[in-house]
Amino acid sequence: MDTQQNKAILKRWLESWNKNSAEELEALAEEIFTADFTVFDKGQPGEVVGAEGVKQFVREVHRNSADIHITVEDLIAEGEKVAGRYTVRGVNKATGKPEHTAVIENYRFVNGRVTEAWGIDIPVDPQPLVVVKAFDSAFNAGDIDRVMAFFADQAVLKSPHEPKIYIGGQQIREWLEPQLGHIRVVSKNHQVNGDSVTWQGTLNGDVVKQMGSSSIDEIAEAVVKDGKIVSFTLIISDRRP
């Protein structure tokens, strides 16, 4: 099997994580990894884990993390090896905080299957844009605990349709919780300026229809510090009949 085919196999494996299906990844592991697949971690002696070990790793990651997304930055193939550089983003289920890791790995293939891997993981502090996108994902999933985990203890939320400011987790929770499962947001055009992120969003769902609109366009701004939202402002820009 040639180098381009090996690259395609590895790319398929990495991007399959973005479907957030442990079952699909476990089935794919049987196809992609050899029974004697060996992992070399940071220069330490290799540990044979096999395809079964990969499946156990998949289950562990999904137990601890949500909204997993891998962005492949580089794949370079030569001979029987493929070197990969990619970033992994997700949300820690225990803390609700976003996680961002840079990964560099080198894979060796035999007959179209991965038989060895050397790698290094570099944790990266979550950037404001990462936090905002993870917040949107949690909101659309309807998980109030995950949503609230993105807010600092004394965060401030400014409502778009009433002159009220909500301060602190309890007030913000009481305002947001009734909306979960009834509103879905699609965000675009994110702009980052230091700790501040501004973006445009389109709101759809039952609550929007009850307001007499098919969808609502909004402008939002969040200020993020130390991985937590400290200020969140929403402005209604247009209602579509």
C-alpha atoms as a PDB file:
ATOM      1  CA  MET A   1       0.000   0.000   0.000  1.00  0.00           C
ATOM      2  CA  ASP A   2       1.463   3.389  -0.994  1.00  0.00           C
ATOM      3  CA  THR A   3       2.090   6.450   1.153  1.00  0.00           C
ATOM      4  CA  GLN A   4      -1.003   8.332  -0.069  1.00  0.00           C
ATOM      5  CA  GLN A   5      -3.247   5.437   0.922  1.00  0.00           C
ATOM      6  CA  ASN A   6      -1.663   5.369   4.383  1.00  0.00           C
ATOM      7  CA  LYS A   7      -2.304   9.103   4.738  1.00  0.00           C
ATOM      8  CA  ALA A   8      -5.934   8.607   3.738  1.00  0.00           C
ATOM      9  CA  ILE A   9      -6.367   5.843   6.328  1.00  0.00           C
ATOM     10  CA  LEU A  10      -4.934   7.985   9.114  1.00  0.00           C
ATOM     11  CA  LYS A  11      -6.994  11.007   8.057  1.00  0.00           C
ATOM     12  CA  ARG A  12     -10.125   8.860   8.115  1.00  0.00           C
ATOM     13  CA  TRP A  13      -9.335   7.690  11.646  1.00  0.00           C
ATOM     14  CA  LEU A  14      -8.648  11.169  13.005  1.00  0.00           C
ATOM     15  CA  GLU A  15     -11.649  12.843  11.401  1.00  0.00           C
ATOM     16  CA  SER A  16     -13.978  10.038  12.517  1.00  0.00           C
ATOM     17  CA  TRP A  17     -13.561  11.367  16.064  1.00  0.00           C
ATOM     18  CA  ASN A  18     -15.582  14.413  15.012  1.00  0.00           C
ATOM     19  CA  LYS A  19     -18.731  12.272  14.771  1.00  0.00           C
ATOM     20  CA  ASN A  20     -18.527  11.749  18.568  1.00  0.00           C
ATOM     21  CA  SER A  21     -19.556   8.100  18.217  1.00  0.00           C
ATOM     22  CA  ALA A  22     -17.572   5.721  20.389  1.00  0.00           C
ATOM     23  CA  GLU A  23     -19.263   2.740  18.736  1.00  0.00           C
ATOM     24  CA  GLU A  24     -18.176   3.796  15.247  1.00  0.00           C
ATOM     25  CA  LEU A  25     -14.607   4.428  16.388  1.00  0.00           C
ATOM     26  CA  GLU A  26     -14.398   1.022  18.079  1.00  0.00           C
ATOM     27  CA  ALA A  27     -15.494  -0.695  14.887  1.00  0.00           C
ATOM     28  CA  LEU A  28     -12.994   1.339  12.873  1.00  0.00           C
ATOM     29  CA  ALA A  29     -10.183   0.475  15.312  1.00  0.00           C
ATOM     30  CA  GLU A  30     -10.585  -3.203  14.446  1.00  0.00           C
ATOM     31  CA  GLU A  31     -10.058  -2.298  10.797  1.00  0.00           C
ATOM     32  CA  ILE A  32      -7.175   0.162  11.156  1.00  0.00           C
ATOM     33  CA  PHE A  33      -4.934  -1.089  14.002  1.00  0.00           C
ATOM     34  CA  THR A  34      -3.011  -4.364  14.159  1.00  0.00           C
ATOM     35  CA  ALA A  35      -3.462  -6.864  16.984  1.00  0.00           C
ATOM     36  CA  ASP A  36       0.078  -6.052  18.178  1.00  0.00           C
ATOM     37  CA  PHE A  37      -0.242  -2.274  17.808  1.00  0.00           C
ATOM     38  CA  THR A  38       2.406  -0.697  20.048  1.00  0.00           C
ATOM     39  CA  VAL A  39       2.469   2.803  21.579  1.00  0.00           C
ATOM     40  CA  PHE A  40       5.722   4.625  22.365  1.00  0.00           C
ATOM     41  CA  ASP A  41       4.969   7.567  24.659  1.00  0.00           C
ATOM     42  CA  LYS A  42       7.559  10.356  24.904  1.00  0.00           C
ATOM     43  CA  GLY A  43      10.459   8.031  24.232  1.00  0.00           C
ATOM     44  CA  GLN A  44       9.437   5.428  26.804  1.00  0.00           C
ATOM     45  CA  PRO A  45       9.608   1.702  25.967  1.00  0.00           C
ATOM     46  CA  GLY A  46       6.728   0.555  23.817  1.00  0.00           C
ATOM     47  CA  GLU A  47       3.526  -0.890  25.250  1.00  0.00           C
ATOM     48  CA  VAL A  48       1.584  -3.368  23.151  1.00  0.00           C
ATOM     49  CA  VAL A  49      -2.079  -2.399  23.339  1.00  0.00           C
ATOM     50  CA  GLY A  50      -3.487  -3.804  20.092  1.00  0.00           C
ATOM     51  CA  ALA A  51      -6.794  -2.839  18.550  1.00  0.00           C
ATOM     52  CA  GLU A  52      -8.517  -3.773  21.810  1.00  0.00           C
ATOM     53  CA  GLY A  53      -6.400  -1.239  23.696  1.00  0.00           C
ATOM     54  CA  VAL A  54      -7.376   1.444  21.192  1.00  0.00           C
ATOM     55  CA  LYS A  55     -11.039   0.601  21.778  1.00  0.00           C
ATOM     56  CA  GLN A  56     -10.569   0.934  25.528  1.00  0.00           C
ATOM     57  CA  PHE A  57      -8.910   4.322  24.968  1.00  0.00           C
ATOM     58  CA  VAL A  58     -11.882   5.440  22.852  1.00  0.00           C
ATOM     59  CA  ARG A  59     -14.328   4.483  25.611  1.00  0.00           C
ATOM     60  CA  GLU A  60     -12.259   6.277  28.259  1.00  0.00           C
ATOM     61  CA  VAL A  61     -12.069   9.497  26.222  1.00  0.00           C
ATOM     62  CA  HIS A  62     -15.820   9.519  25.626  1.00  0.00           C
ATOM     63  CA  ARG A  63     -16.509   8.888  29.323  1.00  0.00           C
ATOM     64  CA  ASN A  64     -14.469  11.942  30.268  1.00  0.00           C
ATOM     65  CA  SER A  65     -14.985  14.341  27.360  1.00  0.00           C
ATOM     66  CA  ALA A  66     -17.776  15.723  25.173  1.00  0.00           C
ATOM     67  CA  ASP A  67     -17.922  17.692  21.911  1.00  0.00           C
ATOM     68  CA  ILE A  68     -14.642  16.168  20.713  1.00  0.00           C
ATOM     69  CA  HIS A  69     -13.258  17.722  17.549  1.00  0.00           C
ATOM     70  CA  ILE A  70      -9.949  17.035  15.795  1.00  0.00           C
ATOM     71  CA  THR A  71      -8.470  19.447  13.266  1.00  0.00           C
ATOM     72  CA  VAL A  72      -5.747  17.898  11.122  1.00  0.00           C
ATOM     73  CA  GLU A  73      -2.993  20.460  10.503  1.00  0.00           C
ATOM     74  CA  ASP A  74      -0.395  18.353   8.649  1.00  0.00           C
ATOM     75  CA  LEU A  75       0.060  14.789   7.424  1.00  0.00           C
ATOM     76  CA  ILE A  76       3.428  13.915   5.924  1.00  0.00           C
ATOM     77  CA  ALA A  77       4.060  10.431   4.534  1.00  0.00           C
ATOM     78  CA  GLU A  78       7.341   8.773   3.645  1.00  0.00           C
ATOM     79  CA  GLY A  79       7.835   5.062   3.151  1.00  0.00           C
ATOM     80  CA  GLU A  80       5.897   3.106   5.754  1.00  0.00           C
ATOM     81  CA  LYS A  81       5.461   6.079   8.115  1.00  0.00           C
ATOM     82  CA  VAL A  82       3.006   8.969   8.382  1.00  0.00           C
ATOM     83  CA  ALA A  83       3.702  11.960  10.646  1.00  0.00           C
ATOM     84  CA  GLY A  84       0.677  13.867  11.856  1.00  0.00           C
ATOM     85  CA  ARG A  85       0.168  17.242  13.538  1.00  0.00           C
ATOM     86  CA  TYR A  86      -3.323  18.011  14.768  1.00  0.00           C
ATOM     87  CA  THR A  87      -5.320  19.751  17.478  1.00  0.00           C
ATOM     88  CA  VAL A  88      -7.924  18.152  19.728  1.00  0.00           C
ATOM     89  CA  ARG A  89     -10.700  20.181  21.307  1.00  0.00           C
ATOM     90  CA  GLY A  90     -13.387  19.042  23.690  1.00  0.00           C
ATOM     91  CA  VAL A  91     -15.164  19.712  26.963  1.00  0.00           C
ATOM     92  CA  ASN A  92     -14.191  18.036  30.229  1.00  0.00           C
ATOM     93  CA  LYS A  93     -17.400  16.418  31.528  1.00  0.00           C
ATOM     94  CA  ALA A  94     -16.315  16.701  35.167  1.00  0.00           C
ATOM     95  CA  THR A  95     -15.469  20.408  35.127  1.00  0.00           C
ATOM     96  CA  GLY A  96     -17.437  21.631  32.113  1.00  0.00           C
ATOM     97  CA  LYS A  97     -14.348  23.494  30.939  1.00  0.00           C
ATOM     98  CA  PRO A  98     -13.090  23.362  27.363  1.00  0.00           C
ATOM     99  CA  GLU A  99      -9.833  21.527  26.680  1.00  0.00           C
ATOM    100  CA  HIS A 100      -7.429  22.139  23.820  1.00  0.00           C
ATOM    101  CA  THR A 101      -4.457  19.892  23.079  1.00  0.00           C
ATOM    102  CA  ALA A 102      -1.824  20.055  20.351  1.00  0.00           C
ATOM    103  CA  VAL A 103      -0.647  16.605  19.237  1.00  0.00           C
ATOM    104  CA  ILE A 104       2.349  15.454  17.193  1.00  0.00           C
ATOM    105  CA  GLU A 105       2.484  11.746  16.326  1.00  0.00           C
ATOM    106  CA  ASN A 106       4.395   9.427  14.032  1.00  0.00           C
ATOM    107  CA  TYR A 107       2.663   6.254  12.803  1.00  0.00           C
ATOM    108  CA  ARG A 108       4.156   3.175  11.144  1.00  0.00           C
ATOM    109  CA  PHE A 109       2.009   1.120   8.774  1.00  0.00           C
ATOM    110  CA  VAL A 110       2.225  -2.520   7.760  1.00  0.00           C
ATOM    111  CA  ASN A 111      -0.041  -3.715   4.955  1.00  0.00           C
ATOM    112  CA  GLY A 112      -2.367  -0.750   5.349  1.00  0.00           C
ATOM    113  CA  ARG A 113      -2.768  -0.976   9.127  1.00  0.00           C
ATOM    114  CA  VAL A 114      -1.183   1.021  11.928  1.00  0.00           C
ATOM    115  CA  THR A 115       1.259  -1.077  13.931  1.00  0.00           C
ATOM    116  CA  GLU A 116       3.259   1.549  15.901  1.00  0.00           C
ATOM    117  CA  ALA A 117       2.784   5.113  17.105  1.00  0.00           C
ATOM    118  CA  TRP A 118       5.083   7.654  18.784  1.00  0.00           C
ATOM    119  CA  GLY A 119       3.495  10.801  20.115  1.00  0.00           C
ATOM    120  CA  ILE A 120       3.579  13.869  22.320  1.00  0.00           C
ATOM    121  CA  ASP A 121       0.582  15.837  23.640  1.00  0.00           C
ATOM    122  CA  ILE A 122       0.860  19.526  24.521  1.00  0.00           C
ATOM    123  CA  PRO A 123      -2.044  21.016  26.538  1.00  0.00           C
ATOM    124  CA  VAL A 124      -3.012  24.501  25.371  1.00  0.00           C
ATOM    125  CA  ASP A 125      -4.918  27.057  27.438  1.00  0.00           C
ATOM    126  CA  PRO A 126      -8.464  27.402  26.033  1.00  0.00           C
ATOM    127  CA  GLN A 127      -8.772  30.532  23.916  1.00  0.00           C
ATOM    128  CA  PRO A 128     -11.903  32.739  24.060  1.00  0.00           C
ATOM    129  CA  LEU A 129     -13.147  31.530  20.665  1.00  0.00           C
ATOM    130  CA  VAL A 130     -12.816  27.885  21.766  1.00  0.00           C
ATOM    131  CA  VAL A 131     -14.875  28.644  24.879  1.00  0.00           C
ATOM    132  CA  VAL A 132     -17.605  30.440  22.924  1.00  0.00           C
ATOM    133  CA  LYS A 133     -17.988  27.661  20.355  1.00  0.00           C
ATOM    134  CA  ALA A 134     -18.057  25.003  23.078  1.00  0.00           C
ATOM    135  CA  PHE A 135     -20.720  27.050  24.919  1.00  0.00           C
ATOM    136  CA  ASP A 136     -22.910  27.114  21.798  1.00  0.00           C
ATOM    137  CA  SER A 137     -22.549  23.361  21.427  1.00  0.00           C
ATOM    138  CA  ALA A 138     -23.588  22.791  25.058  1.00  0.00           C
ATOM    139  CA  PHE A 139     -26.567  25.154  24.642  1.00  0.00           C
ATOM    140  CA  ASN A 140     -27.789  23.325  21.536  1.00  0.00           C
ATOM    141  CA  ALA A 141     -27.383  20.010  23.367  1.00  0.00           C
ATOM    142  CA  GLY A 142     -29.784  21.300  26.043  1.00  0.00           C
ATOM    143  CA  ASP A 143     -27.452  20.498  28.943  1.00  0.00           C
ATOM    144  CA  ILE A 144     -27.886  23.241  31.573  1.00  0.00           C
ATOM    145  CA  ASP A 145     -25.073  21.986  33.803  1.00  0.00           C
ATOM    146  CA  ARG A 146     -22.584  22.051  30.929  1.00  0.00           C
ATOM    147  CA  VAL A 147     -23.871  25.477  29.873  1.00  0.00           C
ATOM    148  CA  MET A 148     -23.463  26.947  33.344  1.00  0.00           C
ATOM    149  CA  ALA A 149     -19.964  25.512  33.688  1.00  0.00           C
ATOM    150  CA  PHE A 150     -18.805  28.080  31.117  1.00  0.00           C
ATOM    151  CA  PHE A 151     -19.773  31.046  33.335  1.00  0.00           C
ATOM    152  CA  ALA A 152     -17.621  32.569  36.064  1.00  0.00           C
ATOM    153  CA  ASP A 153     -19.232  32.721  39.517  1.00  0.00           C
ATOM    154  CA  GLN A 154     -20.116  36.416  39.239  1.00  0.00           C
ATOM    155  CA  ALA A 155     -20.670  36.549  35.493  1.00  0.00           C
ATOM    156  CA  VAL A 156     -22.998  39.192  34.040  1.00  0.00           C
ATOM    157  CA  LEU A 157     -25.583  38.474  31.318  1.00  0.00           C
ATOM    158  CA  LYS A 158     -27.453  41.260  29.518  1.00  0.00           C
ATOM    159  CA  SER A 159     -30.771  40.128  28.061  1.00  0.00           C
ATOM    160  CA  PRO A 160     -31.676  41.188  24.493  1.00  0.00           C
ATOM    161  CA  HIS A 161     -35.380  41.898  25.068  1.00  0.00           C
ATOM    162  CA  GLU A 162     -35.646  43.411  28.531  1.00  0.00           C
ATOM    163  CA  PRO A 163     -33.646  46.039  30.409  1.00  0.00           C
ATOM    164  CA  LYS A 164     -32.498  43.552  33.028  1.00  0.00           C
ATOM    165  CA  ILE A 165     -28.993  42.433  33.910  1.00  0.00           C
ATOM    166  CA  TYR A 166     -28.524  38.957  35.386  1.00  0.00           C
ATOM    167  CA  ILE A 167     -25.624  38.585  37.797  1.00  0.00           C
ATOM    168  CA  GLY A 168     -24.203  35.332  39.103  1.00  0.00           C
ATOM    169  CA  GLY A 169     -24.808  31.715  38.293  1.00  0.00           C
ATOM    170  CA  GLN A 170     -28.258  31.327  39.859  1.00  0.00           C
ATOM    171  CA  GLN A 171     -29.829  34.281  38.038  1.00  0.00           C
ATOM    172  CA  ILE A 172     -28.255  33.313  34.729  1.00  0.00           C
ATOM    173  CA  ARG A 173     -29.373  29.692  35.134  1.00  0.00           C
ATOM    174  CA  GLU A 174     -32.965  30.781  35.836  1.00  0.00           C
ATOM    175  CA  TRP A 175     -32.988  32.868  32.645  1.00  0.00           C
ATOM    176  CA  LEU A 176     -31.332  30.293  30.378  1.00  0.00           C
ATOM    177  CA  GLU A 177     -32.813  26.996  31.551  1.00  0.00           C
ATOM    178  CA  PRO A 178     -36.372  27.505  30.186  1.00  0.00           C
ATOM    179  CA  GLN A 179     -34.887  28.163  26.732  1.00  0.00           C
ATOM    180  CA  LEU A 180     -32.898  24.950  26.479  1.00  0.00           C
ATOM    181  CA  GLY A 181     -34.443  22.473  24.092  1.00  0.00           C
ATOM    182  CA  HIS A 182     -36.678  25.183  22.636  1.00  0.00           C
ATOM    183  CA  ILE A 183     -34.102  27.406  20.939  1.00  0.00           C
ATOM    184  CA  ARG A 184     -31.244  26.394  18.668  1.00  0.00           C
ATOM    185  CA  VAL A 185     -28.507  28.823  17.694  1.00  0.00           C
ATOM    186  CA  VAL A 186     -26.373  28.852  14.559  1.00  0.00           C
ATOM    187  CA  SER A 187     -23.361  31.160  14.948  1.00  0.00           C
ATOM    188  CA  LYS A 188     -21.065  32.701  12.352  1.00  0.00           C
ATOM    189  CA  ASN A 189     -18.617  35.539  11.667  1.00  0.00           C
ATOM    190  CA  HIS A 190     -16.753  35.296  14.986  1.00  0.00           C
ATOM    191  CA  GLN A 191     -14.340  38.143  15.663  1.00  0.00           C
ATOM    192  CA  VAL A 192     -11.774  37.979  18.461  1.00  0.00           C
ATOM    193  CA  ASN A 193     -10.267  41.051  20.110  1.00  0.00           C
ATOM    194  CA  GLY A 194      -8.205  40.100  23.133  1.00  0.00           C
ATOM    195  CA  ASP A 195     -10.551  38.533  25.711  1.00  0.00           C
ATOM    196  CA  SER A 196     -13.657  39.593  23.767  1.00  0.00           C
ATOM    197  CA  VAL A 197     -15.480  37.567  21.095  1.00  0.00           C
ATOM    198  CA  THR A 198     -18.296  39.041  18.982  1.00  0.00           C
ATOM    199  CA  TRP A 199     -20.380  37.076  16.486  1.00  0.00           C
ATOM    200  CA  GLN A 200     -23.676  36.869  14.651  1.00  0.00           C
ATOM    201  CA  GLY A 201     -26.259  34.214  15.378  1.00  0.00           C
ATOM    202  CA  THR A 202     -29.570  32.944  14.046  1.00  0.00           C
ATOM    203  CA  LEU A 203     -32.107  31.603  16.545  1.00  0.00           C
ATOM    204  CA  ASN A 204     -34.726  28.998  15.631  1.00  0.00           C
ATOM    205  CA  GLY A 205     -37.132  26.835  17.603  1.00  0.00           C
ATOM    206  CA  ASP A 206     -40.415  26.737  19.511  1.00  0.00           C
ATOM    207  CA  VAL A 207     -39.814  29.873  21.574  1.00  0.00           C
ATOM    208  CA  VAL A 208     -38.944  31.865  18.459  1.00  0.00           C
ATOM    209  CA  LYS A 209     -42.180  30.745  16.746  1.00  0.00           C
ATOM    210  CA  GLN A 210     -44.162  31.751  19.837  1.00  0.00           C
ATOM    211  CA  MET A 211     -42.702  35.230  19.399  1.00  0.00           C
ATOM    212  CA  GLY A 212     -44.221  35.351  15.910  1.00  0.00           C
ATOM    213  CA  SER A 213     -41.004  34.830  13.949  1.00  0.00           C
ATOM    214  CA  SER A 214     -39.582  32.013  11.867  1.00  0.00           C
ATOM    215  CA  SER A 215     -36.097  32.984  13.033  1.00  0.00           C
ATOM    216  CA  ILE A 216     -34.318  35.764  14.867  1.00  0.00           C
ATOM    217  CA  ASP A 217     -30.935  37.261  14.057  1.00  0.00           C
ATOM    218  CA  GLU A 218     -28.807  38.347  16.980  1.00  0.00           C
ATOM    219  CA  ILE A 219     -25.471  39.942  17.703  1.00  0.00           C
ATOM    220  CA  ALA A 220     -23.597  38.571  20.706  1.00  0.00           C
ATOM    221  CA  GLU A 221     -20.490  39.450  22.654  1.00  0.00           C
ATOM    222  CA  ALA A 222     -18.722  37.438  25.336  1.00  0.00           C
ATOM    223  CA  VAL A 223     -15.740  38.379  27.449  1.00  0.00           C
ATOM    224  CA  VAL A 224     -13.721  35.322  28.472  1.00  0.00           C
ATOM    225  CA  LYS A 225     -11.038  35.183  31.150  1.00  0.00           C
ATOM    226  CA  ASP A 226      -9.245  32.052  32.373  1.00  0.00           C
ATOM    227  CA  GLY A 227     -11.540  29.871  30.290  1.00  0.00           C
ATOM    228  CA  LYS A 228     -14.752  31.288  31.799  1.00  0.00           C
ATOM    229  CA  ILE A 229     -17.323  33.751  30.458  1.00  0.00           C
ATOM    230  CA  VAL A 230     -17.425  36.844  32.698  1.00  0.00           C
ATOM    231  CA  SER A 231     -19.743  38.960  30.543  1.00  0.00           C
ATOM    232  CA  PHE A 232     -22.339  37.945  27.957  1.00  0.00           C
ATOM    233  CA  THR A 233     -24.398  40.429  25.924  1.00  0.00           C
ATOM    234  CA  LEU A 234     -27.149  39.644  23.401  1.00  0.00           C
ATOM    235  CA  ILE A 235     -28.733  42.120  20.980  1.00  0.00           C
ATOM    236  CA  ILE A 236     -31.672  41.281  18.709  1.00  0.00           C
ATOM    237  CA  SER A 237     -30.867  42.641  15.264  1.00  0.00           C
ATOM    238  CA  ASP A 238     -33.786  41.347  13.147  1.00  0.00           C
ATOM    239  CA  ARG A 239     -36.931  39.231  13.329  1.00  0.00           C
ATOM    240  CA  ARG A 240     -37.993  37.294  10.247  1.00  0.00           C
ATOM    241  CA  PRO A 241     -41.748  36.773   9.674  1.00  0.00           C
END
